[in-house]
Amino acid sequence: MGNLWQFFGLPDPDAGVVARPAEAREVPQNPRLTSSPEEIPAPVVEEAILEPTQVQSHAWNGPVTPDGEPFHDLSNHNMRVNARPNRALRYVKPDEKHRIRTRDIAQRIAQGDTIIVDLRTLVHMESHQQACRRELRVMCEQTGVGVFALDSEDKLLLIPGADVVVDIEKHELGLTRILNAA
């Protein structure tokens, strides 16, 4: 009876490389090499040594099952450590001179970054808030993306990056859905 690994069709990790028994074959001896005609030489048995089967796929260099299939060890965690993300969520607010750098924002949007613009620091400057919104709207028309308000006062604005999909059908943000369900 086989073990648990054989039941699932996996190689036994404790057994190491298991050699299959080779068929024994007799090798005929040359009668001229025997020392005397009375001696009957015993047949020489040659055992074939089996090499581990090679996988036909050139991309696989890991362990293989006895059938020659690639064996994927799910406990082996080989993750890329130095993987840098190619997109980001950026928070932008007006600088000390109350300006928003739309040229820099447009470059980030083209790279796929999503921008959240916070105009709440311009609380007492309603006309300046309107000018910033207008400038952002012109920049978004040039880049081909939309501007979305995240609050009712239009002071938090969301600008999605290139290839970012925004669902405008449900109009549910944050915890609204969770709070309504409770």
Protein backbone atom coordinates (compact mmCIF):
# COMPACT_ATOMS: atom_id res chain seq x y z
CA MET A 1 0.00 0.00 0.00
CA GLY A 2 1.33 3.44 -0.88
CA ASN A 3 1.69 6.38 1.40
CA LEU A 4 -0.36 9.58 1.54
CA TRP A 5 1.83 11.34 -1.02
CA GLN A 6 1.29 8.58 -3.58
CA PHE A 7 -2.44 8.69 -2.92
CA PHE A 8 -2.54 12.31 -4.08
CA GLY A 9 -0.05 11.67 -6.89
CA LEU A 10 2.69 13.80 -5.34
CA PRO A 11 6.35 12.95 -4.77
CA ASP A 12 7.30 11.94 -1.24
CA PRO A 13 9.52 14.75 0.10
CA ASP A 14 11.07 12.46 2.74
CA ALA A 15 12.00 9.71 0.34
CA GLY A 16 14.26 11.84 -1.85
CA VAL A 17 14.75 10.53 -5.37
CA VAL A 18 12.97 7.25 -5.71
CA ALA A 19 14.53 4.94 -8.28
CA ARG A 20 12.09 2.64 -10.00
CA PRO A 21 13.15 -0.99 -10.08
CA ALA A 22 14.81 -1.76 -13.37
CA GLU A 23 14.18 -4.90 -15.31
CA ALA A 24 17.04 -7.29 -15.02
CA ARG A 25 18.40 -8.65 -18.22
CA GLU A 26 21.01 -11.23 -18.88
CA VAL A 27 24.12 -10.26 -20.72
CA PRO A 28 25.52 -13.12 -22.81
CA GLN A 29 29.11 -13.92 -22.03
CA ASN A 30 31.72 -14.75 -24.57
CA PRO A 31 32.57 -18.47 -24.11
CA ARG A 32 36.15 -17.84 -25.18
CA LEU A 33 36.79 -15.73 -22.10
CA THR A 34 36.10 -18.49 -19.62
CA SER A 35 39.13 -20.16 -18.09
CA SER A 36 38.01 -23.76 -18.34
CA PRO A 37 35.23 -25.49 -20.25
CA GLU A 38 33.97 -27.21 -17.09
CA GLU A 39 33.08 -23.95 -15.40
CA ILE A 40 29.67 -22.63 -16.26
CA PRO A 41 29.68 -18.92 -15.83
CA ALA A 42 26.86 -17.41 -13.86
CA PRO A 43 24.73 -15.01 -15.83
CA VAL A 44 25.68 -11.38 -15.26
CA VAL A 45 22.76 -9.19 -14.33
CA GLU A 46 22.92 -5.55 -15.40
CA GLU A 47 20.65 -3.00 -13.74
CA ALA A 48 19.69 0.10 -15.61
CA ILE A 49 19.95 3.27 -13.59
CA LEU A 50 16.99 5.51 -14.16
CA GLU A 51 17.61 9.21 -14.41
CA PRO A 52 14.91 11.55 -13.09
CA THR A 53 12.56 12.42 -15.90
CA GLN A 54 13.06 15.81 -17.42
CA VAL A 55 10.14 18.11 -18.03
CA GLN A 56 9.69 19.10 -21.64
CA SER A 57 8.94 22.71 -20.76
CA HIS A 58 12.08 24.81 -20.76
CA ALA A 59 10.61 27.31 -18.28
CA TRP A 60 10.28 24.89 -15.34
CA ASN A 61 13.36 24.34 -13.20
CA GLY A 62 11.72 23.10 -10.00
CA PRO A 63 10.94 19.62 -8.68
CA VAL A 64 8.97 17.12 -10.73
CA THR A 65 6.62 14.29 -9.84
CA PRO A 66 7.50 10.67 -10.64
CA ASP A 67 5.37 11.01 -13.77
CA GLY A 68 7.52 13.92 -14.94
CA GLU A 69 4.98 16.66 -14.28
CA PRO A 70 6.05 19.94 -12.62
CA PHE A 71 5.48 19.91 -8.85
CA HIS A 72 4.39 23.26 -7.42
CA ASP A 73 5.23 23.58 -3.74
CA LEU A 74 2.59 25.96 -2.38
CA SER A 75 4.50 26.52 0.85
CA ASN A 76 7.39 28.08 -1.07
CA HIS A 77 6.84 31.84 -0.97
CA ASN A 78 9.05 33.53 -3.54
CA MET A 79 7.73 37.05 -3.77
CA ARG A 80 9.47 39.97 -5.36
CA VAL A 81 10.68 42.17 -2.56
CA ASN A 82 11.73 45.17 -4.62
CA ALA A 83 8.52 45.48 -6.64
CA ARG A 84 7.59 49.14 -6.93
CA PRO A 85 4.00 50.07 -7.62
CA ASN A 86 3.39 51.93 -10.84
CA ARG A 87 0.30 53.83 -9.64
CA ALA A 88 -0.48 55.86 -6.55
CA LEU A 89 -3.22 57.75 -4.76
CA ARG A 90 -1.98 61.30 -4.23
CA TYR A 91 -3.31 63.95 -1.89
CA VAL A 92 -2.87 67.54 -3.09
CA LYS A 93 -3.71 70.78 -1.33
CA PRO A 94 -2.85 74.37 -2.24
CA ASP A 95 0.69 75.48 -1.41
CA GLU A 96 1.62 78.46 0.82
CA LYS A 97 0.72 80.87 -2.00
CA HIS A 98 -2.66 79.13 -2.44
CA ARG A 99 -1.78 77.70 -5.87
CA ILE A 100 -2.47 74.27 -7.30
CA ARG A 101 0.15 73.01 -9.73
CA THR A 102 -2.04 71.63 -12.47
CA ARG A 103 0.88 70.88 -14.82
CA ASP A 104 2.39 68.48 -12.26
CA ILE A 105 -1.04 66.98 -11.59
CA ALA A 106 -1.58 66.40 -15.33
CA GLN A 107 1.73 64.52 -15.56
CA ARG A 108 0.78 62.27 -12.64
CA ILE A 109 -2.66 61.62 -14.13
CA ALA A 110 -1.06 60.56 -17.41
CA GLN A 111 1.04 58.04 -15.43
CA GLY A 112 -2.12 56.54 -13.90
CA ASP A 113 -2.10 58.18 -10.47
CA THR A 114 -5.40 59.15 -8.87
CA ILE A 115 -5.42 62.62 -7.32
CA ILE A 116 -7.50 63.91 -4.43
CA VAL A 117 -7.50 67.71 -4.29
CA ASP A 118 -8.39 69.30 -0.95
CA LEU A 119 -9.60 72.92 -1.13
CA ARG A 120 -10.73 73.07 2.52
CA THR A 121 -7.69 75.17 3.47
CA LEU A 122 -9.20 78.00 1.38
CA VAL A 123 -12.21 78.29 3.69
CA HIS A 124 -12.47 82.10 3.66
CA MET A 125 -11.55 82.49 -0.01
CA GLU A 126 -14.62 81.45 -1.98
CA SER A 127 -13.52 83.26 -5.15
CA HIS A 128 -10.09 81.60 -4.99
CA GLN A 129 -11.75 78.20 -4.52
CA GLN A 130 -13.81 78.85 -7.67
CA ALA A 131 -10.64 79.82 -9.58
CA CYS A 132 -8.90 76.59 -8.48
CA ARG A 133 -11.93 74.50 -9.50
CA ARG A 134 -12.02 76.23 -12.89
CA GLU A 135 -8.30 75.62 -13.42
CA LEU A 136 -8.69 71.94 -12.50
CA ARG A 137 -11.68 71.60 -14.85
CA VAL A 138 -9.67 73.08 -17.77
CA MET A 139 -6.74 70.76 -17.00
CA CYS A 140 -9.06 67.73 -16.90
CA GLU A 141 -10.67 68.68 -20.21
CA GLN A 142 -7.20 68.83 -21.77
CA THR A 143 -6.16 65.45 -20.35
CA GLY A 144 -9.50 63.79 -21.07
CA VAL A 145 -10.49 62.78 -17.54
CA GLY A 146 -13.35 63.89 -15.31
CA VAL A 147 -13.45 65.65 -11.95
CA PHE A 148 -15.66 64.19 -9.23
CA ALA A 149 -16.77 65.92 -6.02
CA LEU A 150 -16.36 63.80 -2.90
CA ASP A 151 -18.36 66.10 -0.61
CA SER A 152 -21.43 68.28 -0.93
CA GLU A 153 -19.45 71.56 -0.76
CA ASP A 154 -17.14 70.59 -3.68
CA LYS A 155 -14.04 71.09 -1.54
CA LEU A 156 -12.73 67.53 -1.91
CA LEU A 157 -12.25 66.65 -5.57
CA LEU A 158 -11.25 63.32 -7.10
CA ILE A 159 -9.39 63.17 -10.41
CA PRO A 160 -8.90 59.58 -11.63
CA GLY A 161 -5.71 58.67 -13.45
CA ALA A 162 -5.35 57.23 -16.91
CA ASP A 163 -7.03 53.80 -17.24
CA VAL A 164 -8.80 54.17 -13.87
CA VAL A 165 -12.50 53.29 -13.95
CA VAL A 166 -14.94 55.26 -11.79
CA ASP A 167 -18.46 53.93 -11.28
CA ILE A 168 -20.85 56.88 -11.47
CA GLU A 169 -24.07 54.85 -11.35
CA LYS A 170 -24.29 54.00 -7.63
CA HIS A 171 -23.12 57.30 -6.09
CA GLU A 172 -22.09 55.54 -2.88
CA LEU A 173 -18.91 56.66 -1.15
CA GLY A 174 -17.20 55.61 2.04
CA LEU A 175 -19.32 54.11 4.78
CA THR A 176 -22.69 55.23 3.39
CA ARG A 177 -23.58 51.75 2.15
CA ILE A 178 -22.56 50.07 5.42
CA LEU A 179 -24.43 52.58 7.58
CA ASN A 180 -27.61 52.30 5.50
CA ALA A 181 -27.57 48.49 5.75
CA ALA A 182 -27.37 48.52 9.55
